Amino acid sequence: MAHPLRFARLGYCRLSCPDLEASIAFYRGLVGMTLAGRDEKTAWLRCSDKPYDIVLDSGDAPGISMIGFELASDQELDSAYAIAEDLGLDPVWRDAEGCAAMKVARSLLFTDPVTGMELDFYASQQIETAPLDGMLTKIVRMGHVVLNVEDLGAAHDFWVEKFGFAVSDRVEGLAEWLRCWPNPLHHSLALLQSPTRTNTLHHINFMVTDIDDVGGAMNRMKNAEVPIVFGPGRHLPSTSIFLYFLDPDGNTAEFSFGMELFEEEGARPPRELEHKAEVMDTWGGRPDPRFGKGSAVITRQVPVGNA
């Protein structure tokens, strides 16, 4: 298919946390992220050379309120604005103060019509030169976000047909693993058909540098009595070795090692995978019932100048 936009990467996700201090402590002390900045209501945490990879907001209820993607250039951002405008999504440019706070040159805000979640498409984000803390786990990047969506067909149309995400693998009517083309990672976003027809967070992922990071994290989580809800195991679609555990709000987070990479052109076509447990774990593991039962997608309109 045609790819109307060129993306650089998944940038960040924004989570609402009823107990902000507990969430900061978890993502710093057990996940191993660095606190890049904070005020009374918001904390910015990083695990890469970017200024932040997760933004945590104090909120009345847990949930995911925003996903950010970095586009390849200002020209691509202008094209994204045109697409969103043609779709009637009322895109708005974040003002200069807001862009400075988010450490980007330009930022475009609009709403995903399927989930109602705010999206942030931006370009030319600053590189962070300050060293990371002595990380418990050597994280390369935030790898992907997975959502349970009320209408998988409509979500496919939005992300793939309108914005040019590429399907890497799929299970008919149940799941799609999408890469933000031409980023080579097997998926930066995955969509699952919600059995309850509600939009929720399934999980967020952190990619690590070594398989020992997965094993070390498993024991660290066990020692801290953090629920491990799936793994260690190996996914069939991406080939990643994985470990899933719960954050203080019951959201599923994942450490993964290894992932299939795709060439920009000439990549293999998407596979049609069977609906069976071995797709999720070729080692034969089975998830805890709490796996992927994350908090709600928070629908909101962000003021243009708001960070």
Protein backbone atom coordinates (compact mmCIF):
# COMPACT_ATOMS: atom_id res chain seq x y z
CA MET A 1 0.00 0.00 0.00
CA ALA A 2 1.01 3.64 -0.27
CA HIS A 3 2.60 5.27 2.77
CA PRO A 4 1.48 8.90 2.96
CA LEU A 5 3.79 9.73 5.89
CA ARG A 6 7.30 8.94 7.05
CA PHE A 7 7.60 8.36 10.79
CA ALA A 8 10.76 8.34 12.87
CA ARG A 9 9.56 6.44 15.92
CA LEU A 10 7.10 5.98 18.74
CA GLY A 11 7.90 8.87 21.05
CA TYR A 12 6.08 8.52 24.35
CA CYS A 13 2.87 7.70 26.15
CA ARG A 14 1.09 9.70 28.83
CA LEU A 15 -0.50 7.94 31.81
CA SER A 16 -2.86 9.23 34.48
CA CYS A 17 -1.92 8.01 37.97
CA PRO A 18 -4.07 8.36 41.13
CA ASP A 19 -0.94 7.99 43.28
CA LEU A 20 1.72 9.88 41.37
CA GLU A 21 4.44 9.27 43.96
CA ALA A 22 3.89 5.50 43.88
CA SER A 23 4.03 5.46 40.09
CA ILE A 24 7.22 7.52 39.99
CA ALA A 25 8.82 5.21 42.55
CA PHE A 26 7.81 2.15 40.53
CA TYR A 27 9.06 3.37 37.16
CA ARG A 28 12.30 4.64 38.71
CA GLY A 29 13.05 2.00 41.31
CA LEU A 30 11.84 -1.17 39.57
CA VAL A 31 11.63 -0.43 35.86
CA GLY A 32 14.85 1.61 36.00
CA MET A 33 13.87 4.88 34.34
CA THR A 34 15.46 8.28 35.04
CA LEU A 35 13.38 11.14 36.42
CA ALA A 36 14.00 13.95 33.93
CA GLY A 37 11.78 16.57 35.54
CA ARG A 38 8.63 17.05 37.56
CA ASP A 39 6.25 19.44 39.22
CA GLU A 40 3.34 18.84 41.59
CA LYS A 41 1.12 17.26 38.95
CA THR A 42 3.40 15.79 36.29
CA ALA A 43 6.62 13.76 36.04
CA TRP A 44 8.75 13.17 32.94
CA LEU A 45 10.78 9.95 32.90
CA ARG A 46 13.30 8.79 30.32
CA CYS A 47 15.20 5.65 29.36
CA SER A 48 16.80 6.83 26.10
CA ASP A 49 18.55 9.82 24.54
CA LYS A 50 15.22 11.63 24.31
CA PRO A 51 14.06 14.08 27.01
CA TYR A 52 11.23 11.77 28.11
CA ASP A 53 9.70 8.41 27.19
CA ILE A 54 6.78 8.38 29.63
CA VAL A 55 4.84 11.28 31.11
CA LEU A 56 2.97 10.59 34.34
CA ASP A 57 0.13 12.91 35.38
CA SER A 58 -1.63 13.00 38.72
CA GLY A 59 -5.26 12.07 38.04
CA ASP A 60 -8.41 10.87 39.75
CA ALA A 61 -8.46 7.60 37.79
CA PRO A 62 -5.77 5.55 36.04
CA GLY A 63 -5.65 5.57 32.27
CA ILE A 64 -3.72 6.33 29.11
CA SER A 65 -4.41 9.84 27.83
CA MET A 66 -1.96 10.36 24.96
CA ILE A 67 0.47 8.69 22.56
CA GLY A 68 3.16 10.69 20.78
CA PHE A 69 4.88 9.83 17.50
CA GLU A 70 7.89 11.65 16.08
CA LEU A 71 7.69 12.23 12.33
CA ALA A 72 10.69 12.31 10.03
CA SER A 73 10.53 16.02 9.16
CA ASP A 74 8.54 19.24 9.32
CA GLN A 75 7.23 18.47 5.84
CA GLU A 76 5.81 15.17 7.06
CA LEU A 77 4.15 17.01 9.93
CA ASP A 78 2.48 19.39 7.48
CA SER A 79 1.22 16.36 5.56
CA ALA A 80 -0.15 14.86 8.78
CA TYR A 81 -2.02 18.09 9.46
CA ALA A 82 -3.60 17.93 6.00
CA ILE A 83 -4.69 14.32 6.51
CA ALA A 84 -6.19 15.05 9.94
CA GLU A 85 -7.96 18.12 8.57
CA ASP A 86 -9.39 16.15 5.63
CA LEU A 87 -10.72 13.60 8.14
CA GLY A 88 -12.52 16.36 10.06
CA LEU A 89 -10.43 15.82 13.21
CA ASP A 90 -9.86 19.53 13.89
CA PRO A 91 -6.08 19.33 14.29
CA VAL A 92 -4.40 22.15 16.20
CA TRP A 93 -0.78 23.26 16.44
CA ARG A 94 0.67 23.35 19.93
CA ASP A 95 1.80 26.91 20.69
CA ALA A 96 5.42 27.99 21.15
CA GLU A 97 5.30 27.75 24.93
CA GLY A 98 3.88 24.24 24.80
CA CYS A 99 6.45 23.12 22.21
CA ALA A 100 9.26 24.48 24.36
CA ALA A 101 7.93 22.59 27.37
CA MET A 102 7.78 19.37 25.34
CA LYS A 103 11.21 20.10 23.80
CA VAL A 104 10.07 19.85 20.20
CA ALA A 105 10.19 22.27 17.29
CA ARG A 106 6.58 21.72 16.26
CA SER A 107 3.71 19.64 17.58
CA LEU A 108 0.33 18.72 16.15
CA LEU A 109 -2.55 17.61 18.36
CA PHE A 110 -5.69 15.79 17.26
CA THR A 111 -7.97 13.01 18.47
CA ASP A 112 -8.05 9.38 17.43
CA PRO A 113 -11.68 9.00 16.30
CA VAL A 114 -11.86 5.34 17.35
CA THR A 115 -10.68 5.63 20.96
CA GLY A 116 -11.11 9.36 21.59
CA MET A 117 -7.52 9.56 22.84
CA GLU A 118 -5.40 12.62 22.12
CA LEU A 119 -2.50 12.07 19.70
CA ASP A 120 0.66 14.14 19.48
CA PHE A 121 2.55 14.11 16.18
CA TYR A 122 5.73 16.16 16.37
CA ALA A 123 9.07 16.80 14.70
CA SER A 124 12.62 17.75 15.63
CA GLN A 125 12.69 16.73 19.26
CA GLN A 126 15.75 17.71 21.28
CA ILE A 127 18.40 15.11 22.08
CA GLU A 128 19.09 14.75 25.78
CA THR A 129 22.79 14.70 26.65
CA ALA A 130 22.45 14.32 30.42
CA PRO A 131 23.44 10.82 31.54
CA LEU A 132 20.84 8.33 32.62
CA ASP A 133 20.82 7.07 36.18
CA GLY A 134 22.64 3.84 36.89
CA MET A 135 19.83 1.86 35.29
CA LEU A 136 18.67 -1.36 36.91
CA THR A 137 17.75 -2.57 33.45
CA LYS A 138 19.56 -1.40 30.32
CA ILE A 139 16.62 -0.11 28.30
CA VAL A 140 17.13 0.92 24.67
CA ARG A 141 13.80 2.65 24.14
CA MET A 142 10.12 2.56 24.74
CA GLY A 143 9.26 -0.06 22.15
CA HIS A 144 5.52 -0.09 21.63
CA VAL A 145 2.05 0.56 22.97
CA VAL A 146 -0.81 -1.93 22.62
CA LEU A 147 -4.45 -0.92 22.85
CA ASN A 148 -7.68 -2.85 23.24
CA VAL A 149 -10.02 -1.08 20.82
CA GLU A 150 -13.78 -1.18 20.48
CA ASP A 151 -13.66 -1.52 16.68
CA LEU A 152 -10.56 -3.15 15.17
CA GLY A 153 -11.74 -2.53 11.61
CA ALA A 154 -12.17 1.19 12.21
CA ALA A 155 -8.82 1.37 14.00
CA HIS A 156 -7.14 -0.37 11.06
CA ASP A 157 -8.68 2.11 8.66
CA PHE A 158 -7.43 5.06 10.73
CA TRP A 159 -3.86 3.94 11.32
CA VAL A 160 -3.14 1.91 8.19
CA GLU A 161 -5.30 3.34 5.43
CA LYS A 162 -5.20 6.99 6.51
CA PHE A 163 -1.78 7.42 8.14
CA GLY A 164 0.19 4.69 6.41
CA PHE A 165 1.22 2.42 9.26
CA ALA A 166 2.33 -0.95 7.89
CA VAL A 167 0.84 -4.27 9.03
CA SER A 168 3.54 -6.73 10.04
CA ASP A 169 1.29 -9.57 11.22
CA ARG A 170 -2.36 -10.06 11.99
CA VAL A 171 -4.92 -12.47 13.43
CA GLU A 172 -8.14 -12.04 11.48
CA GLY A 173 -10.66 -10.00 13.43
CA LEU A 174 -8.58 -10.10 16.62
CA ALA A 175 -5.17 -8.42 16.38
CA GLU A 176 -2.84 -6.38 14.20
CA TRP A 177 0.83 -5.55 14.82
CA LEU A 178 1.72 -2.26 13.12
CA ARG A 179 5.01 -0.54 12.39
CA CYS A 180 5.24 3.23 11.98
CA TRP A 181 6.77 3.06 8.51
CA PRO A 182 9.64 3.28 7.67
CA ASN A 183 10.75 2.57 11.26
CA PRO A 184 12.06 -1.02 11.04
CA LEU A 185 10.70 -2.39 14.33
CA HIS A 186 8.13 -5.16 13.87
CA HIS A 187 5.60 -3.03 15.72
CA SER A 188 5.42 0.28 17.52
CA LEU A 189 1.64 0.04 17.92
CA ALA A 190 -0.58 -3.00 18.16
CA LEU A 191 -4.37 -3.12 18.13
CA LEU A 192 -6.51 -5.83 19.71
CA GLN A 193 -10.23 -6.23 19.30
CA SER A 194 -11.64 -5.61 22.77
CA PRO A 195 -14.03 -8.42 23.77
CA THR A 196 -15.98 -5.89 25.84
CA ARG A 197 -16.06 -3.26 23.05
CA THR A 198 -14.28 -0.77 25.30
CA ASN A 199 -11.07 1.15 24.65
CA THR A 200 -8.36 0.34 27.19
CA LEU A 201 -4.60 0.10 27.51
CA HIS A 202 -3.36 -3.44 26.97
CA HIS A 203 0.33 -2.82 27.72
CA ILE A 204 3.36 -0.63 27.25
CA ASN A 205 6.74 -2.04 26.28
CA PHE A 206 10.39 -1.32 27.00
CA MET A 207 13.05 -2.91 24.80
CA VAL A 208 16.19 -4.04 26.65
CA THR A 209 19.73 -4.69 25.48
CA ASP A 210 20.34 -8.18 26.77
CA ILE A 211 18.42 -11.30 27.69
CA ASP A 212 19.96 -11.01 31.16
CA ASP A 213 17.93 -7.82 31.61
CA VAL A 214 14.77 -9.93 31.35
CA GLY A 215 15.97 -12.49 33.88
CA GLY A 216 17.19 -9.86 36.31
CA ALA A 217 13.92 -7.96 36.07
CA MET A 218 11.94 -11.13 36.75
CA ASN A 219 13.71 -11.68 40.06
CA ARG A 220 13.63 -7.99 40.97
CA MET A 221 9.86 -7.91 40.45
CA LYS A 222 9.37 -11.10 42.42
CA ASN A 223 11.43 -9.77 45.32
CA ALA A 224 9.33 -6.58 45.34
CA GLU A 225 6.11 -8.64 45.18
CA VAL A 226 5.16 -7.09 41.84
CA PRO A 227 2.75 -9.39 40.00
CA ILE A 228 4.31 -11.12 36.99
CA VAL A 229 1.40 -11.84 34.67
CA PHE A 230 3.06 -13.53 31.67
CA GLY A 231 6.45 -14.96 30.87
CA PRO A 232 9.27 -15.26 30.45
CA GLY A 233 8.39 -16.51 26.99
CA ARG A 234 8.85 -15.86 23.29
CA HIS A 235 6.33 -14.23 20.95
CA LEU A 236 5.80 -15.79 17.54
CA PRO A 237 4.97 -12.56 15.65
CA SER A 238 7.97 -10.42 16.65
CA THR A 239 10.30 -13.22 17.90
CA SER A 240 10.83 -11.17 21.10
CA ILE A 241 11.58 -12.76 24.46
CA PHE A 242 9.22 -11.15 26.95
CA LEU A 243 8.29 -10.57 30.57
CA TYR A 244 5.05 -8.85 31.61
CA PHE A 245 4.30 -7.37 35.03
CA LEU A 246 1.84 -4.93 36.61
CA ASP A 247 2.44 -1.31 37.61
CA PRO A 248 0.78 0.19 40.72
CA ASP A 249 -2.39 0.98 38.74
CA GLY A 250 -2.76 -2.54 37.36
CA ASN A 251 -1.45 -1.60 33.91
CA THR A 252 0.61 -4.26 32.18
CA ALA A 253 4.20 -3.31 31.34
CA GLU A 254 6.65 -5.43 29.36
CA PHE A 255 10.38 -5.90 29.05
CA SER A 256 11.37 -7.50 25.76
CA PHE A 257 14.62 -8.56 24.15
CA GLY A 258 15.05 -8.87 20.38
CA MET A 259 12.61 -8.06 17.60
CA GLU A 260 12.23 -8.73 13.89
CA LEU A 261 13.34 -5.76 11.76
CA PHE A 262 11.90 -4.80 8.37
CA GLU A 263 13.56 -3.18 5.39
CA GLU A 264 12.00 0.08 4.21
CA GLU A 265 11.17 -1.45 0.82
CA GLY A 266 10.80 -5.08 -0.16
CA ALA A 267 9.83 -6.30 3.30
CA ARG A 268 7.92 -9.53 3.64
CA PRO A 269 4.13 -9.24 3.44
CA PRO A 270 2.06 -9.47 6.63
CA ARG A 271 1.34 -12.98 7.83
CA GLU A 272 -2.11 -14.27 8.71
CA LEU A 273 -1.53 -16.00 12.03
CA GLU A 274 -3.75 -18.58 13.66
CA HIS A 275 -5.83 -17.79 16.70
CA LYS A 276 -4.02 -20.02 19.18
CA ALA A 277 -2.07 -19.61 22.39
CA GLU A 278 1.27 -20.49 20.78
CA VAL A 279 1.17 -17.25 18.80
CA MET A 280 1.62 -15.34 22.04
CA ASP A 281 4.17 -17.75 23.54
CA THR A 282 5.98 -20.37 21.50
CA TRP A 283 7.33 -21.80 24.78
CA GLY A 284 3.80 -22.78 25.82
CA GLY A 285 3.22 -20.32 28.66
CA ARG A 286 -0.21 -19.00 29.57
CA PRO A 287 -0.97 -15.50 30.88
CA ASP A 288 -2.44 -14.57 34.24
CA PRO A 289 -6.07 -13.34 33.91
CA ARG A 290 -4.86 -9.84 34.84
CA PHE A 291 -2.62 -9.66 31.77
CA GLY A 292 -3.63 -6.85 29.44
CA LYS A 293 -6.56 -5.75 31.61
CA GLY A 294 -5.27 -2.20 31.82
CA SER A 295 -6.90 1.08 32.60
CA ALA A 296 -9.21 3.07 30.37
CA VAL A 297 -8.36 5.31 27.47
CA ILE A 298 -8.92 8.84 28.76
CA THR A 299 -10.62 11.12 26.29
CA ARG A 300 -9.79 14.79 26.59
CA GLN A 301 -8.94 17.92 24.70
CA VAL A 302 -5.52 19.34 25.54
CA PRO A 303 -5.21 23.15 25.39
CA VAL A 304 -2.81 24.05 22.60
CA GLY A 305 -0.32 25.64 24.95
CA ASN A 306 -0.41 22.85 27.52
CA ALA A 307 2.63 20.60 27.97
